[in-house]
Amino acid sequence: MQSPLFGFTEAQTQDRYALQNPQLLRVALNGHEDVLARKGAMVAYQGLIEFDGEYQTQGQQRARARTGEALDLMRCSGQGTVYLANLAQHIHVLDVDHEGLTVDSAYVLALDSTLHWESIAVDSQYGISGSGKYNLNISGRGKVALMTSGQPLMMQVTPDKYVNVDADAIVAWSTSLRVQMQAQTHSSGVWRRRGNTGEGWELSFLGQGYALVQPSELLPPQNATIGGGAAAQFGMGQQGARGQNQGNIFSN
């Protein structure tokens, strides 16, 4: 049997996390350190791998009970190789260090089980409700794999150059950055696009660090049908694309 398909063979590397291609992640497990992956993201595996689809930390259970939010993860353990992907989105591997990473949990594909994370609600800091803007603060030392719709843009933030981003396009940012959220705060205006930019919500980043932006304002639906009406059009609310894809929150 012959075909150009045989050019797409397995990546030959000793790295724990390696991109098989821009939309497929290869994770090697050595039997000592587990990886936590988005539930349902496994597309193939080799070796003696066990998957715990009911994995929940105590912090995740508390967060689900308190907020109704939780990122559904599965624990992958054993010895072998597991391949992860989600809706053919572009995958990017980052090293988390002392600076920390804040990420919209809808864009998390996998992370080392040794990392610590906790939930924050950006909108609640400004008295805004209903936008569903929950995020994860990830700290410790380890790797995390993020997803974007298309090739992203990494923007540097400095004390003399702050960055404004559409709240539906931001993927992640340095935890050390200060964040300000600008939005209509009354019920009749929350669905309208804001100001001269035509955007509904904006985040301003100040300080020293980086902000990761994707070339799409809405993430493709993970496990749900996008609803109709203004909420779906602007990606807001539980029935909109933004609400359907919000990765939900927990603390480990």
C-alpha atoms as a PDB file:
ATOM      1  CA  MET A   1       0.000   0.000   0.000  1.00  0.00           C
ATOM      2  CA  GLN A   2       1.338   3.416  -0.980  1.00  0.00           C
ATOM      3  CA  SER A   3       0.103   6.913  -0.216  1.00  0.00           C
ATOM      4  CA  PRO A   4       1.394  10.379   0.719  1.00  0.00           C
ATOM      5  CA  LEU A   5      -0.371   9.684   4.030  1.00  0.00           C
ATOM      6  CA  PHE A   6       2.641   7.610   5.078  1.00  0.00           C
ATOM      7  CA  GLY A   7       4.553  10.867   5.367  1.00  0.00           C
ATOM      8  CA  PHE A   8       2.519  11.682   8.477  1.00  0.00           C
ATOM      9  CA  THR A   9       4.352   9.330  10.818  1.00  0.00           C
ATOM     10  CA  GLU A  10       4.890   9.621  14.569  1.00  0.00           C
ATOM     11  CA  ALA A  11       7.153  12.360  15.871  1.00  0.00           C
ATOM     12  CA  GLN A  12      10.548  10.968  16.889  1.00  0.00           C
ATOM     13  CA  THR A  13      11.511  12.950  19.970  1.00  0.00           C
ATOM     14  CA  GLN A  14      12.447  12.478  23.613  1.00  0.00           C
ATOM     15  CA  ASP A  15      10.429  15.527  24.690  1.00  0.00           C
ATOM     16  CA  ARG A  16       7.537  14.883  27.059  1.00  0.00           C
ATOM     17  CA  TYR A  17       5.283  17.292  25.146  1.00  0.00           C
ATOM     18  CA  ALA A  18       5.747  17.451  21.364  1.00  0.00           C
ATOM     19  CA  LEU A  19       3.578  18.676  18.521  1.00  0.00           C
ATOM     20  CA  GLN A  20       2.878  15.881  16.084  1.00  0.00           C
ATOM     21  CA  ASN A  21       1.560  18.642  13.842  1.00  0.00           C
ATOM     22  CA  PRO A  22       0.122  22.096  14.628  1.00  0.00           C
ATOM     23  CA  GLN A  23      -3.208  20.554  15.667  1.00  0.00           C
ATOM     24  CA  LEU A  24      -2.150  17.319  17.367  1.00  0.00           C
ATOM     25  CA  LEU A  25      -0.213  16.988  20.635  1.00  0.00           C
ATOM     26  CA  ARG A  26       1.926  13.997  21.584  1.00  0.00           C
ATOM     27  CA  VAL A  27       2.524  13.436  25.317  1.00  0.00           C
ATOM     28  CA  ALA A  28       4.941  10.773  26.555  1.00  0.00           C
ATOM     29  CA  LEU A  29       4.184   9.186  29.937  1.00  0.00           C
ATOM     30  CA  ASN A  30       6.938   7.465  31.902  1.00  0.00           C
ATOM     31  CA  GLY A  31       4.866   5.980  34.709  1.00  0.00           C
ATOM     32  CA  HIS A  32       5.867   8.648  37.253  1.00  0.00           C
ATOM     33  CA  GLU A  33       4.185  11.926  36.270  1.00  0.00           C
ATOM     34  CA  ASP A  34       0.580  12.036  35.080  1.00  0.00           C
ATOM     35  CA  VAL A  35      -0.948  14.500  32.669  1.00  0.00           C
ATOM     36  CA  LEU A  36      -4.395  16.045  32.997  1.00  0.00           C
ATOM     37  CA  ALA A  37      -6.188  16.466  29.674  1.00  0.00           C
ATOM     38  CA  ARG A  38      -9.493  17.927  28.572  1.00  0.00           C
ATOM     39  CA  LYS A  39     -12.059  15.175  28.809  1.00  0.00           C
ATOM     40  CA  GLY A  40     -12.624  13.595  25.424  1.00  0.00           C
ATOM     41  CA  ALA A  41      -9.444  15.060  23.885  1.00  0.00           C
ATOM     42  CA  MET A  42      -7.686  11.701  23.423  1.00  0.00           C
ATOM     43  CA  VAL A  43      -7.575  10.675  19.758  1.00  0.00           C
ATOM     44  CA  ALA A  44      -5.072   7.790  20.012  1.00  0.00           C
ATOM     45  CA  TYR A  45      -2.596   6.180  22.414  1.00  0.00           C
ATOM     46  CA  GLN A  46       0.082   3.508  22.595  1.00  0.00           C
ATOM     47  CA  GLY A  47       1.316   1.518  25.556  1.00  0.00           C
ATOM     48  CA  LEU A  48      -0.209   0.847  28.964  1.00  0.00           C
ATOM     49  CA  ILE A  49      -2.197   4.020  29.550  1.00  0.00           C
ATOM     50  CA  GLU A  50      -5.077   4.375  31.993  1.00  0.00           C
ATOM     51  CA  PHE A  51      -7.695   7.120  31.669  1.00  0.00           C
ATOM     52  CA  ASP A  52      -9.737   8.371  34.607  1.00  0.00           C
ATOM     53  CA  GLY A  53     -12.625  10.313  33.085  1.00  0.00           C
ATOM     54  CA  GLU A  54     -14.222  10.912  36.484  1.00  0.00           C
ATOM     55  CA  TYR A  55     -11.159  12.668  37.900  1.00  0.00           C
ATOM     56  CA  GLN A  56     -11.958  15.561  40.237  1.00  0.00           C
ATOM     57  CA  THR A  57      -9.894  17.294  42.878  1.00  0.00           C
ATOM     58  CA  GLN A  58     -11.476  18.405  46.140  1.00  0.00           C
ATOM     59  CA  GLY A  59     -11.049  22.003  45.031  1.00  0.00           C
ATOM     60  CA  GLN A  60     -12.833  21.247  41.787  1.00  0.00           C
ATOM     61  CA  GLN A  61     -15.718  19.658  43.665  1.00  0.00           C
ATOM     62  CA  ARG A  62     -16.021  22.711  45.926  1.00  0.00           C
ATOM     63  CA  ALA A  63     -15.911  25.080  42.975  1.00  0.00           C
ATOM     64  CA  ARG A  64     -18.584  23.117  41.112  1.00  0.00           C
ATOM     65  CA  ALA A  65     -20.832  23.174  44.167  1.00  0.00           C
ATOM     66  CA  ARG A  66     -20.261  26.907  44.736  1.00  0.00           C
ATOM     67  CA  THR A  67     -20.349  28.264  41.181  1.00  0.00           C
ATOM     68  CA  GLY A  68     -21.604  25.442  38.980  1.00  0.00           C
ATOM     69  CA  GLU A  69     -18.329  25.798  37.058  1.00  0.00           C
ATOM     70  CA  ALA A  70     -15.775  23.040  36.533  1.00  0.00           C
ATOM     71  CA  LEU A  71     -13.308  22.105  33.800  1.00  0.00           C
ATOM     72  CA  ASP A  72     -13.880  18.457  32.969  1.00  0.00           C
ATOM     73  CA  LEU A  73     -10.488  16.763  33.005  1.00  0.00           C
ATOM     74  CA  MET A  74      -9.319  13.190  32.675  1.00  0.00           C
ATOM     75  CA  ARG A  75      -6.169  11.879  34.313  1.00  0.00           C
ATOM     76  CA  CYS A  76      -3.832  10.035  31.944  1.00  0.00           C
ATOM     77  CA  SER A  77      -1.326   7.750  33.697  1.00  0.00           C
ATOM     78  CA  GLY A  78       0.927   4.824  32.932  1.00  0.00           C
ATOM     79  CA  GLN A  79       3.673   4.241  30.398  1.00  0.00           C
ATOM     80  CA  GLY A  80       3.283   5.039  26.743  1.00  0.00           C
ATOM     81  CA  THR A  81       2.212   7.818  24.424  1.00  0.00           C
ATOM     82  CA  VAL A  82      -1.108   9.637  24.225  1.00  0.00           C
ATOM     83  CA  TYR A  83      -2.234  11.913  21.387  1.00  0.00           C
ATOM     84  CA  LEU A  84      -4.533  14.833  22.193  1.00  0.00           C
ATOM     85  CA  ALA A  85      -6.527  17.204  19.982  1.00  0.00           C
ATOM     86  CA  ASN A  86      -9.731  19.241  20.033  1.00  0.00           C
ATOM     87  CA  LEU A  87     -11.682  20.353  16.952  1.00  0.00           C
ATOM     88  CA  ALA A  88      -8.441  20.651  14.944  1.00  0.00           C
ATOM     89  CA  GLN A  89      -7.525  23.792  16.864  1.00  0.00           C
ATOM     90  CA  HIS A  90      -3.922  25.011  16.892  1.00  0.00           C
ATOM     91  CA  ILE A  91      -1.971  23.787  19.922  1.00  0.00           C
ATOM     92  CA  HIS A  92       0.793  25.617  21.787  1.00  0.00           C
ATOM     93  CA  VAL A  93       2.954  24.305  24.652  1.00  0.00           C
ATOM     94  CA  LEU A  94       4.072  26.759  27.345  1.00  0.00           C
ATOM     95  CA  ASP A  95       6.404  26.389  30.302  1.00  0.00           C
ATOM     96  CA  VAL A  96       4.864  27.801  33.472  1.00  0.00           C
ATOM     97  CA  ASP A  97       7.372  29.241  35.933  1.00  0.00           C
ATOM     98  CA  HIS A  98       7.424  31.642  38.875  1.00  0.00           C
ATOM     99  CA  GLU A  99       5.699  34.352  36.822  1.00  0.00           C
ATOM    100  CA  GLY A 100       2.514  32.304  36.530  1.00  0.00           C
ATOM    101  CA  LEU A 101      -0.112  32.128  33.811  1.00  0.00           C
ATOM    102  CA  THR A 102      -3.726  33.241  33.732  1.00  0.00           C
ATOM    103  CA  VAL A 103      -5.749  31.517  31.032  1.00  0.00           C
ATOM    104  CA  ASP A 104      -9.331  31.251  29.889  1.00  0.00           C
ATOM    105  CA  SER A 105     -10.003  27.634  30.813  1.00  0.00           C
ATOM    106  CA  ALA A 106     -11.905  27.067  27.557  1.00  0.00           C
ATOM    107  CA  TYR A 107      -8.510  27.037  25.827  1.00  0.00           C
ATOM    108  CA  VAL A 108      -6.760  24.494  28.069  1.00  0.00           C
ATOM    109  CA  LEU A 109      -6.016  21.175  26.352  1.00  0.00           C
ATOM    110  CA  ALA A 110      -3.648  19.568  28.883  1.00  0.00           C
ATOM    111  CA  LEU A 111      -1.366  20.350  31.805  1.00  0.00           C
ATOM    112  CA  ASP A 112       1.049  18.626  34.152  1.00  0.00           C
ATOM    113  CA  SER A 113      -0.640  17.211  37.232  1.00  0.00           C
ATOM    114  CA  THR A 114       2.039  18.847  39.403  1.00  0.00           C
ATOM    115  CA  LEU A 115       0.824  22.368  38.579  1.00  0.00           C
ATOM    116  CA  HIS A 116      -1.464  24.274  40.922  1.00  0.00           C
ATOM    117  CA  TRP A 117      -4.462  26.229  39.683  1.00  0.00           C
ATOM    118  CA  GLU A 118      -7.273  28.293  41.117  1.00  0.00           C
ATOM    119  CA  SER A 119     -10.276  30.063  39.641  1.00  0.00           C
ATOM    120  CA  ILE A 120     -10.808  33.798  39.308  1.00  0.00           C
ATOM    121  CA  ALA A 121     -13.743  35.751  37.897  1.00  0.00           C
ATOM    122  CA  VAL A 122     -12.397  38.793  36.067  1.00  0.00           C
ATOM    123  CA  ASP A 123     -15.811  40.380  35.598  1.00  0.00           C
ATOM    124  CA  SER A 124     -16.769  40.175  39.280  1.00  0.00           C
ATOM    125  CA  GLN A 125     -13.914  42.534  40.152  1.00  0.00           C
ATOM    126  CA  TYR A 126     -15.796  45.293  38.375  1.00  0.00           C
ATOM    127  CA  GLY A 127     -19.354  44.533  39.455  1.00  0.00           C
ATOM    128  CA  ILE A 128     -20.260  42.977  36.098  1.00  0.00           C
ATOM    129  CA  SER A 129     -22.411  39.870  36.016  1.00  0.00           C
ATOM    130  CA  GLY A 130     -23.511  37.525  33.280  1.00  0.00           C
ATOM    131  CA  SER A 131     -20.486  37.552  30.990  1.00  0.00           C
ATOM    132  CA  GLY A 132     -19.212  34.181  32.171  1.00  0.00           C
ATOM    133  CA  LYS A 133     -15.612  35.381  32.218  1.00  0.00           C
ATOM    134  CA  TYR A 134     -13.936  32.817  34.451  1.00  0.00           C
ATOM    135  CA  ASN A 135     -10.220  32.092  34.216  1.00  0.00           C
ATOM    136  CA  LEU A 136      -7.548  29.889  35.742  1.00  0.00           C
ATOM    137  CA  ASN A 137      -4.486  31.136  37.580  1.00  0.00           C
ATOM    138  CA  ILE A 138      -1.844  28.454  36.990  1.00  0.00           C
ATOM    139  CA  SER A 139       1.316  28.426  39.098  1.00  0.00           C
ATOM    140  CA  GLY A 140       4.237  26.150  39.880  1.00  0.00           C
ATOM    141  CA  ARG A 141       6.657  24.608  37.417  1.00  0.00           C
ATOM    142  CA  GLY A 142       5.437  22.509  34.522  1.00  0.00           C
ATOM    143  CA  LYS A 143       3.916  22.554  31.080  1.00  0.00           C
ATOM    144  CA  VAL A 144       0.473  23.473  29.854  1.00  0.00           C
ATOM    145  CA  ALA A 145      -0.914  23.001  26.348  1.00  0.00           C
ATOM    146  CA  LEU A 146      -3.260  25.719  25.088  1.00  0.00           C
ATOM    147  CA  MET A 147      -5.556  25.818  22.046  1.00  0.00           C
ATOM    148  CA  THR A 148      -6.339  28.712  19.713  1.00  0.00           C
ATOM    149  CA  SER A 149      -8.581  29.150  16.711  1.00  0.00           C
ATOM    150  CA  GLY A 150      -5.881  29.918  14.125  1.00  0.00           C
ATOM    151  CA  GLN A 151      -2.343  31.161  14.676  1.00  0.00           C
ATOM    152  CA  PRO A 152      -2.214  33.485  17.715  1.00  0.00           C
ATOM    153  CA  LEU A 153      -0.473  36.775  18.415  1.00  0.00           C
ATOM    154  CA  MET A 154       1.811  37.158  21.450  1.00  0.00           C
ATOM    155  CA  MET A 155       1.775  40.793  22.556  1.00  0.00           C
ATOM    156  CA  GLN A 156       4.351  42.244  24.934  1.00  0.00           C
ATOM    157  CA  VAL A 157       3.107  44.542  27.678  1.00  0.00           C
ATOM    158  CA  THR A 158       5.495  47.059  29.233  1.00  0.00           C
ATOM    159  CA  PRO A 159       4.985  49.856  31.771  1.00  0.00           C
ATOM    160  CA  ASP A 160       4.977  52.410  28.950  1.00  0.00           C
ATOM    161  CA  LYS A 161       2.961  50.308  26.486  1.00  0.00           C
ATOM    162  CA  TYR A 162      -0.272  48.773  27.716  1.00  0.00           C
ATOM    163  CA  VAL A 163      -2.445  46.539  25.540  1.00  0.00           C
ATOM    164  CA  ASN A 164      -6.204  46.523  24.964  1.00  0.00           C
ATOM    165  CA  VAL A 165      -7.816  43.269  23.849  1.00  0.00           C
ATOM    166  CA  ASP A 166     -11.297  42.121  22.921  1.00  0.00           C
ATOM    167  CA  ALA A 167     -12.403  39.968  25.861  1.00  0.00           C
ATOM    168  CA  ASP A 168     -13.575  37.217  23.483  1.00  0.00           C
ATOM    169  CA  ALA A 169     -10.202  37.065  21.701  1.00  0.00           C
ATOM    170  CA  ILE A 170      -7.879  36.901  24.723  1.00  0.00           C
ATOM    171  CA  VAL A 171      -6.518  33.425  25.492  1.00  0.00           C
ATOM    172  CA  ALA A 172      -3.956  33.901  28.278  1.00  0.00           C
ATOM    173  CA  TRP A 173      -1.700  36.434  29.952  1.00  0.00           C
ATOM    174  CA  SER A 174       1.068  36.763  32.519  1.00  0.00           C
ATOM    175  CA  THR A 175      -0.439  36.581  35.993  1.00  0.00           C
ATOM    176  CA  SER A 176       1.718  39.515  37.092  1.00  0.00           C
ATOM    177  CA  LEU A 177      -0.150  41.909  34.771  1.00  0.00           C
ATOM    178  CA  ARG A 178      -2.828  44.234  36.114  1.00  0.00           C
ATOM    179  CA  VAL A 179      -6.151  43.848  34.323  1.00  0.00           C
ATOM    180  CA  GLN A 180      -8.904  46.384  33.843  1.00  0.00           C
ATOM    181  CA  MET A 181     -12.223  45.438  32.261  1.00  0.00           C
ATOM    182  CA  GLN A 182     -14.327  47.902  30.329  1.00  0.00           C
ATOM    183  CA  ALA A 183     -17.921  47.039  29.576  1.00  0.00           C
ATOM    184  CA  GLN A 184     -21.473  48.291  29.666  1.00  0.00           C
ATOM    185  CA  THR A 185     -22.712  47.536  33.175  1.00  0.00           C
ATOM    186  CA  HIS A 186     -26.468  47.978  32.793  1.00  0.00           C
ATOM    187  CA  SER A 187     -28.725  45.267  31.439  1.00  0.00           C
ATOM    188  CA  SER A 188     -29.883  47.141  28.347  1.00  0.00           C
ATOM    189  CA  GLY A 189     -26.336  48.009  27.248  1.00  0.00           C
ATOM    190  CA  VAL A 190     -24.516  44.797  28.048  1.00  0.00           C
ATOM    191  CA  TRP A 191     -25.530  43.263  24.707  1.00  0.00           C
ATOM    192  CA  ARG A 192     -24.428  46.249  22.617  1.00  0.00           C
ATOM    193  CA  ARG A 193     -21.028  46.562  21.023  1.00  0.00           C
ATOM    194  CA  ARG A 194     -18.928  49.115  22.854  1.00  0.00           C
ATOM    195  CA  GLY A 195     -17.648  52.489  21.674  1.00  0.00           C
ATOM    196  CA  ASN A 196     -15.794  53.227  18.450  1.00  0.00           C
ATOM    197  CA  THR A 197     -14.167  49.780  18.311  1.00  0.00           C
ATOM    198  CA  GLY A 198     -17.505  48.010  17.984  1.00  0.00           C
ATOM    199  CA  GLU A 199     -16.580  45.553  20.733  1.00  0.00           C
ATOM    200  CA  GLY A 200     -18.751  44.497  23.658  1.00  0.00           C
ATOM    201  CA  TRP A 201     -16.010  43.897  26.251  1.00  0.00           C
ATOM    202  CA  GLU A 202     -12.403  45.006  26.450  1.00  0.00           C
ATOM    203  CA  LEU A 203      -9.554  44.033  28.756  1.00  0.00           C
ATOM    204  CA  SER A 204      -6.664  46.411  29.347  1.00  0.00           C
ATOM    205  CA  PHE A 205      -3.337  44.903  30.462  1.00  0.00           C
ATOM    206  CA  LEU A 206      -0.789  46.994  32.351  1.00  0.00           C
ATOM    207  CA  GLY A 207       2.620  46.181  33.810  1.00  0.00           C
ATOM    208  CA  GLN A 208       5.322  43.850  32.498  1.00  0.00           C
ATOM    209  CA  GLY A 209       4.465  40.622  30.735  1.00  0.00           C
ATOM    210  CA  TYR A 210       2.675  39.099  27.768  1.00  0.00           C
ATOM    211  CA  ALA A 211      -0.871  38.684  26.461  1.00  0.00           C
ATOM    212  CA  LEU A 212      -1.818  35.919  24.018  1.00  0.00           C
ATOM    213  CA  VAL A 213      -4.563  36.748  21.513  1.00  0.00           C
ATOM    214  CA  GLN A 214      -6.223  34.524  18.916  1.00  0.00           C
ATOM    215  CA  PRO A 215      -7.595  35.681  15.521  1.00  0.00           C
ATOM    216  CA  SER A 216     -11.126  34.707  16.462  1.00  0.00           C
ATOM    217  CA  GLU A 217     -13.641  36.218  18.853  1.00  0.00           C
ATOM    218  CA  LEU A 218     -15.473  32.983  19.517  1.00  0.00           C
ATOM    219  CA  LEU A 219     -14.191  29.500  20.241  1.00  0.00           C
ATOM    220  CA  PRO A 220     -15.883  26.697  18.245  1.00  0.00           C
ATOM    221  CA  PRO A 221     -18.392  24.807  20.427  1.00  0.00           C
ATOM    222  CA  GLN A 222     -16.892  22.044  22.542  1.00  0.00           C
ATOM    223  CA  ASN A 223     -19.898  19.860  23.274  1.00  0.00           C
ATOM    224  CA  ALA A 224     -22.995  21.878  22.577  1.00  0.00           C
ATOM    225  CA  THR A 225     -25.154  23.476  19.920  1.00  0.00           C
ATOM    226  CA  ILE A 226     -24.862  27.236  19.644  1.00  0.00           C
ATOM    227  CA  GLY A 227     -28.103  28.937  20.577  1.00  0.00           C
ATOM    228  CA  GLY A 228     -29.780  31.744  18.694  1.00  0.00           C
ATOM    229  CA  GLY A 229     -30.488  35.360  19.492  1.00  0.00           C
ATOM    230  CA  ALA A 230     -28.288  38.211  20.640  1.00  0.00           C
ATOM    231  CA  ALA A 231     -26.568  36.145  23.326  1.00  0.00           C
ATOM    232  CA  ALA A 232     -25.268  33.711  20.736  1.00  0.00           C
ATOM    233  CA  GLN A 233     -24.429  36.471  18.273  1.00  0.00           C
ATOM    234  CA  PHE A 234     -22.148  38.221  20.715  1.00  0.00           C
ATOM    235  CA  GLY A 235     -20.900  35.052  22.410  1.00  0.00           C
ATOM    236  CA  MET A 236     -22.342  35.875  25.806  1.00  0.00           C
ATOM    237  CA  GLY A 237     -24.516  34.043  28.303  1.00  0.00           C
ATOM    238  CA  GLN A 238     -24.957  30.339  28.937  1.00  0.00           C
ATOM    239  CA  GLN A 239     -26.701  29.713  25.610  1.00  0.00           C
ATOM    240  CA  GLY A 240     -24.248  31.670  23.463  1.00  0.00           C
ATOM    241  CA  ALA A 241     -21.099  30.276  21.919  1.00  0.00           C
ATOM    242  CA  ARG A 242     -19.049  31.989  24.641  1.00  0.00           C
ATOM    243  CA  GLY A 243     -21.159  30.409  27.371  1.00  0.00           C
ATOM    244  CA  GLN A 244     -21.178  26.981  25.760  1.00  0.00           C
ATOM    245  CA  ASN A 245     -17.393  27.007  25.467  1.00  0.00           C
ATOM    246  CA  GLN A 246     -16.473  28.523  28.813  1.00  0.00           C
ATOM    247  CA  GLY A 247     -14.099  25.946  30.222  1.00  0.00           C
ATOM    248  CA  ASN A 248     -15.517  26.190  33.730  1.00  0.00           C
ATOM    249  CA  ILE A 249     -13.449  26.635  36.828  1.00  0.00           C
ATOM    250  CA  PHE A 250     -11.935  24.817  39.758  1.00  0.00           C
ATOM    251  CA  SER A 251      -8.978  24.842  42.134  1.00  0.00           C
ATOM    252  CA  ASN A 252      -6.707  21.850  42.543  1.00  0.00           C
END
